[in-house]
Amino acid sequence: MMLTGRVLDVEEGVQRGMVQYRVPAGEAVAKAVALAQRIASNAPLSNFAVTQALPRIADMAQSDGLFVESLMAAIAQGDDAAKQRLRDFLEKRAPKVVKA
């Protein structure tokens, strides 16, 4: 698509599994902003782990990928902010997660 400039319509994007969200006409920017706000509310270390480790895991042997995933999870969970979020959750102070 990048070399030919071919454009897919939303139906073809859905069929090919390239679309995660489908919104009515004129609501795409609002949805994008909502997603960006949700991502921005994550711990920066978690976002870093997801954006840096996950793309590389796909190119690894399964055992290596599982190791890297576990390592990144341990690093992210060891962050002071992550520990505080866990304490808040256990003490029922954390907001409930709402699926979009």
N, C-alpha and C. Protein backbone atom coordinates (compact mmCIF):
# COMPACT_ATOMS: atom_id res chain seq x y z
N MET A 1 0.82 -1.19 0.00
CA MET A 1 0.00 0.00 0.00
C MET A 1 0.87 1.26 0.00
N MET A 2 1.98 1.19 0.70
CA MET A 2 2.83 2.39 0.75
C MET A 2 3.46 2.66 -0.61
N LEU A 3 3.81 1.62 -1.34
CA LEU A 3 4.46 1.83 -2.63
C LEU A 3 3.47 2.18 -3.74
N THR A 4 2.25 1.67 -3.63
CA THR A 4 1.27 1.92 -4.69
C THR A 4 0.35 3.09 -4.39
N GLY A 5 0.29 3.50 -3.12
CA GLY A 5 -0.62 4.58 -2.75
C GLY A 5 -2.06 4.12 -2.63
N ARG A 6 -2.26 2.81 -2.65
CA ARG A 6 -3.62 2.27 -2.56
C ARG A 6 -4.24 2.63 -1.21
N VAL A 7 -5.50 3.01 -1.26
CA VAL A 7 -6.24 3.38 -0.06
C VAL A 7 -7.33 2.35 0.17
N LEU A 8 -7.43 1.87 1.40
CA LEU A 8 -8.48 0.92 1.76
C LEU A 8 -9.66 1.68 2.34
N ASP A 9 -10.86 1.20 2.04
CA ASP A 9 -12.01 1.76 2.74
C ASP A 9 -12.14 1.04 4.08
N VAL A 10 -12.99 1.54 4.94
CA VAL A 10 -13.10 0.99 6.29
C VAL A 10 -13.52 -0.47 6.28
N GLU A 11 -14.40 -0.86 5.36
CA GLU A 11 -14.85 -2.25 5.31
C GLU A 11 -13.68 -3.20 5.03
N GLU A 12 -12.84 -2.83 4.07
CA GLU A 12 -11.69 -3.68 3.75
C GLU A 12 -10.69 -3.68 4.91
N GLY A 13 -10.55 -2.55 5.56
CA GLY A 13 -9.67 -2.48 6.73
C GLY A 13 -10.14 -3.41 7.84
N VAL A 14 -11.46 -3.46 8.06
CA VAL A 14 -12.03 -4.35 9.07
C VAL A 14 -11.79 -5.80 8.66
N GLN A 15 -12.07 -6.13 7.40
CA GLN A 15 -11.90 -7.50 6.91
C GLN A 15 -10.46 -7.97 7.04
N ARG A 16 -9.52 -7.10 6.84
CA ARG A 16 -8.10 -7.47 6.90
C ARG A 16 -7.51 -7.36 8.31
N GLY A 17 -8.33 -7.00 9.27
CA GLY A 17 -7.86 -6.90 10.64
C GLY A 17 -6.94 -5.72 10.89
N MET A 18 -7.07 -4.68 10.08
CA MET A 18 -6.20 -3.51 10.21
C MET A 18 -6.86 -2.39 11.00
N VAL A 19 -8.10 -2.57 11.38
CA VAL A 19 -8.87 -1.52 12.06
C VAL A 19 -9.22 -2.00 13.46
N GLN A 20 -8.90 -1.21 14.46
CA GLN A 20 -9.26 -1.55 15.83
C GLN A 20 -10.52 -0.83 16.29
N TYR A 21 -10.77 0.34 15.74
CA TYR A 21 -11.93 1.12 16.13
C TYR A 21 -12.63 1.61 14.87
N ARG A 22 -13.93 1.61 14.94
CA ARG A 22 -14.74 2.11 13.83
C ARG A 22 -15.70 3.13 14.43
N VAL A 23 -15.62 4.36 13.96
CA VAL A 23 -16.46 5.42 14.52
C VAL A 23 -17.25 6.09 13.41
N PRO A 24 -18.36 6.71 13.74
CA PRO A 24 -19.14 7.42 12.73
C PRO A 24 -18.34 8.58 12.12
N ALA A 25 -18.73 8.96 10.94
CA ALA A 25 -18.06 10.07 10.23
C ALA A 25 -18.01 11.30 11.13
N GLY A 26 -16.86 11.95 11.15
CA GLY A 26 -16.70 13.17 11.93
C GLY A 26 -16.28 12.95 13.37
N GLU A 27 -16.18 11.69 13.81
CA GLU A 27 -15.83 11.42 15.21
C GLU A 27 -14.43 10.82 15.38
N ALA A 28 -13.67 10.74 14.30
CA ALA A 28 -12.35 10.11 14.36
C ALA A 28 -11.38 10.89 15.25
N VAL A 29 -11.37 12.20 15.14
CA VAL A 29 -10.44 13.00 15.94
C VAL A 29 -10.77 12.87 17.42
N ALA A 30 -12.05 12.90 17.76
CA ALA A 30 -12.44 12.76 19.17
C ALA A 30 -12.01 11.40 19.72
N LYS A 31 -12.17 10.36 18.92
CA LYS A 31 -11.75 9.02 19.35
C LYS A 31 -10.23 8.98 19.51
N ALA A 32 -9.51 9.57 18.57
CA ALA A 32 -8.05 9.59 18.64
C ALA A 32 -7.57 10.34 19.89
N VAL A 33 -8.21 11.44 20.21
CA VAL A 33 -7.85 12.21 21.41
C VAL A 33 -8.15 11.40 22.66
N ALA A 34 -9.29 10.72 22.70
CA ALA A 34 -9.63 9.89 23.85
C ALA A 34 -8.61 8.77 24.04
N LEU A 35 -8.20 8.14 22.94
CA LEU A 35 -7.18 7.09 23.03
C LEU A 35 -5.84 7.66 23.51
N ALA A 36 -5.48 8.82 22.99
CA ALA A 36 -4.21 9.45 23.39
C ALA A 36 -4.23 9.79 24.88
N GLN A 37 -5.37 10.28 25.38
CA GLN A 37 -5.47 10.61 26.80
C GLN A 37 -5.36 9.35 27.66
N ARG A 38 -5.98 8.28 27.18
CA ARG A 38 -5.90 7.02 27.93
C ARG A 38 -4.46 6.51 27.98
N ILE A 39 -3.77 6.58 26.85
CA ILE A 39 -2.37 6.15 26.79
C ILE A 39 -1.50 7.04 27.68
N ALA A 40 -1.75 8.34 27.63
CA ALA A 40 -0.96 9.29 28.42
C ALA A 40 -1.16 9.08 29.92
N SER A 41 -2.27 8.48 30.32
CA SER A 41 -2.51 8.23 31.74
C SER A 41 -1.76 7.00 32.25
N ASN A 42 -1.19 6.20 31.33
CA ASN A 42 -0.37 5.06 31.73
C ASN A 42 0.94 5.55 32.33
N ALA A 43 1.56 4.69 33.09
CA ALA A 43 2.90 5.01 33.59
C ALA A 43 3.86 5.10 32.41
N PRO A 44 4.70 6.11 32.36
CA PRO A 44 5.63 6.25 31.24
C PRO A 44 6.50 5.01 31.02
N LEU A 45 6.92 4.37 32.10
CA LEU A 45 7.74 3.17 31.96
C LEU A 45 6.97 2.04 31.29
N SER A 46 5.68 1.92 31.60
CA SER A 46 4.86 0.89 30.95
C SER A 46 4.73 1.17 29.46
N ASN A 47 4.47 2.42 29.11
CA ASN A 47 4.38 2.77 27.68
C ASN A 47 5.70 2.49 26.97
N PHE A 48 6.80 2.81 27.62
CA PHE A 48 8.11 2.55 27.03
C PHE A 48 8.30 1.05 26.80
N ALA A 49 7.96 0.25 27.79
CA ALA A 49 8.12 -1.20 27.67
C ALA A 49 7.30 -1.75 26.51
N VAL A 50 6.07 -1.28 26.40
CA VAL A 50 5.20 -1.77 25.32
C VAL A 50 5.74 -1.37 23.96
N THR A 51 6.13 -0.11 23.81
CA THR A 51 6.55 0.36 22.49
C THR A 51 7.94 -0.14 22.09
N GLN A 52 8.79 -0.44 23.06
CA GLN A 52 10.14 -0.88 22.73
C GLN A 52 10.31 -2.39 22.71
N ALA A 53 9.72 -3.08 23.66
CA ALA A 53 9.95 -4.53 23.77
C ALA A 53 9.04 -5.34 22.87
N LEU A 54 7.76 -5.03 22.85
CA LEU A 54 6.83 -5.88 22.10
C LEU A 54 7.16 -6.02 20.62
N PRO A 55 7.52 -4.96 19.92
CA PRO A 55 7.84 -5.15 18.50
C PRO A 55 9.05 -6.08 18.29
N ARG A 56 9.97 -6.09 19.22
CA ARG A 56 11.16 -6.93 19.09
C ARG A 56 10.87 -8.39 19.45
N ILE A 57 9.92 -8.62 20.34
CA ILE A 57 9.59 -9.97 20.79
C ILE A 57 9.12 -10.83 19.62
N ALA A 58 8.42 -10.23 18.68
CA ALA A 58 7.91 -10.99 17.53
C ALA A 58 9.03 -11.63 16.72
N ASP A 59 10.23 -11.06 16.77
CA ASP A 59 11.36 -11.58 16.01
C ASP A 59 12.23 -12.55 16.82
N MET A 60 11.81 -12.88 18.02
CA MET A 60 12.62 -13.74 18.89
C MET A 60 12.06 -15.16 18.92
N ALA A 61 12.92 -16.07 19.35
CA ALA A 61 12.44 -17.42 19.65
C ALA A 61 11.44 -17.31 20.80
N GLN A 62 10.52 -18.26 20.89
CA GLN A 62 9.47 -18.17 21.90
C GLN A 62 10.04 -18.04 23.31
N SER A 63 11.04 -18.85 23.65
CA SER A 63 11.59 -18.79 25.01
C SER A 63 12.24 -17.43 25.28
N ASP A 64 12.92 -16.88 24.28
CA ASP A 64 13.53 -15.56 24.45
C ASP A 64 12.46 -14.48 24.59
N GLY A 65 11.41 -14.58 23.79
CA GLY A 65 10.32 -13.61 23.87
C GLY A 65 9.63 -13.63 25.22
N LEU A 66 9.39 -14.83 25.74
CA LEU A 66 8.76 -14.95 27.06
C LEU A 66 9.66 -14.37 28.15
N PHE A 67 10.97 -14.59 28.01
CA PHE A 67 11.91 -14.03 28.97
C PHE A 67 11.88 -12.51 28.95
N VAL A 68 11.95 -11.93 27.76
CA VAL A 68 11.96 -10.47 27.63
C VAL A 68 10.64 -9.89 28.16
N GLU A 69 9.52 -10.54 27.83
CA GLU A 69 8.23 -10.07 28.33
C GLU A 69 8.20 -10.09 29.85
N SER A 70 8.69 -11.16 30.46
CA SER A 70 8.73 -11.25 31.92
C SER A 70 9.65 -10.20 32.52
N LEU A 71 10.79 -10.00 31.87
CA LEU A 71 11.74 -9.00 32.34
C LEU A 71 11.14 -7.60 32.30
N MET A 72 10.50 -7.25 31.20
CA MET A 72 9.89 -5.92 31.08
C MET A 72 8.76 -5.75 32.10
N ALA A 73 7.97 -6.81 32.32
CA ALA A 73 6.90 -6.73 33.31
C ALA A 73 7.48 -6.50 34.70
N ALA A 74 8.56 -7.20 35.02
CA ALA A 74 9.19 -7.04 36.34
C ALA A 74 9.74 -5.63 36.51
N ILE A 75 10.36 -5.11 35.47
CA ILE A 75 10.90 -3.74 35.55
C ILE A 75 9.77 -2.74 35.74
N ALA A 76 8.72 -2.87 34.94
CA ALA A 76 7.59 -1.94 35.02
C ALA A 76 6.89 -2.03 36.37
N GLN A 77 6.76 -3.24 36.91
CA GLN A 77 6.07 -3.41 38.19
C GLN A 77 6.94 -2.97 39.36
N GLY A 78 8.24 -2.88 39.15
CA GLY A 78 9.14 -2.44 40.21
C GLY A 78 9.23 -0.94 40.34
N ASP A 79 8.66 -0.23 39.40
CA ASP A 79 8.65 1.23 39.41
C ASP A 79 7.85 1.72 40.62
N ASP A 80 8.31 2.78 41.25
CA ASP A 80 7.63 3.32 42.43
C ASP A 80 6.17 3.66 42.14
N ALA A 81 5.91 4.24 40.97
CA ALA A 81 4.53 4.59 40.62
C ALA A 81 3.67 3.33 40.50
N ALA A 82 4.23 2.27 39.95
CA ALA A 82 3.48 1.02 39.82
C ALA A 82 3.18 0.43 41.19
N LYS A 83 4.15 0.50 42.08
CA LYS A 83 3.92 0.00 43.44
C LYS A 83 2.81 0.79 44.13
N GLN A 84 2.80 2.10 43.92
CA GLN A 84 1.75 2.92 44.53
C GLN A 84 0.39 2.58 43.95
N ARG A 85 0.31 2.36 42.63
CA ARG A 85 -0.97 1.99 42.01
C ARG A 85 -1.46 0.65 42.57
N LEU A 86 -0.55 -0.29 42.80
CA LEU A 86 -0.93 -1.58 43.36
C LEU A 86 -1.45 -1.40 44.78
N ARG A 87 -0.76 -0.59 45.59
CA ARG A 87 -1.24 -0.32 46.96
C ARG A 87 -2.62 0.32 46.93
N ASP A 88 -2.81 1.30 46.03
CA ASP A 88 -4.11 1.96 45.91
C ASP A 88 -5.19 0.95 45.54
N PHE A 89 -4.88 0.07 44.62
CA PHE A 89 -5.85 -0.94 44.20
C PHE A 89 -6.21 -1.86 45.37
N LEU A 90 -5.21 -2.35 46.07
CA LEU A 90 -5.45 -3.28 47.17
C LEU A 90 -6.22 -2.62 48.31
N GLU A 91 -6.04 -1.32 48.46
CA GLU A 91 -6.76 -0.58 49.50
C GLU A 91 -8.03 0.06 48.96
N LYS A 92 -8.43 -0.38 47.77
CA LYS A 92 -9.67 0.06 47.11
C LYS A 92 -9.73 1.57 46.90
N ARG A 93 -8.58 2.17 46.64
CA ARG A 93 -8.53 3.60 46.35
C ARG A 93 -8.40 3.87 44.86
N ALA A 94 -8.07 2.86 44.10
CA ALA A 94 -7.84 3.06 42.66
C ALA A 94 -9.17 3.13 41.92
N PRO A 95 -9.24 3.94 40.87
CA PRO A 95 -10.46 3.96 40.07
C PRO A 95 -10.63 2.63 39.35
N LYS A 96 -11.86 2.25 39.15
CA LYS A 96 -12.14 1.02 38.42
C LYS A 96 -11.82 1.22 36.95
N VAL A 97 -11.30 0.18 36.32
CA VAL A 97 -10.98 0.24 34.90
C VAL A 97 -12.27 0.11 34.11
N VAL A 98 -12.46 1.02 33.17
CA VAL A 98 -13.66 1.01 32.33
C VAL A 98 -13.22 0.71 30.91
N LYS A 99 -13.81 -0.33 30.32
CA LYS A 99 -13.46 -0.66 28.93
C LYS A 99 -14.13 0.32 28.00
N ALA A 100 -13.37 0.78 27.01
CA ALA A 100 -13.90 1.75 26.04
C ALA A 100 -14.69 1.05 24.96
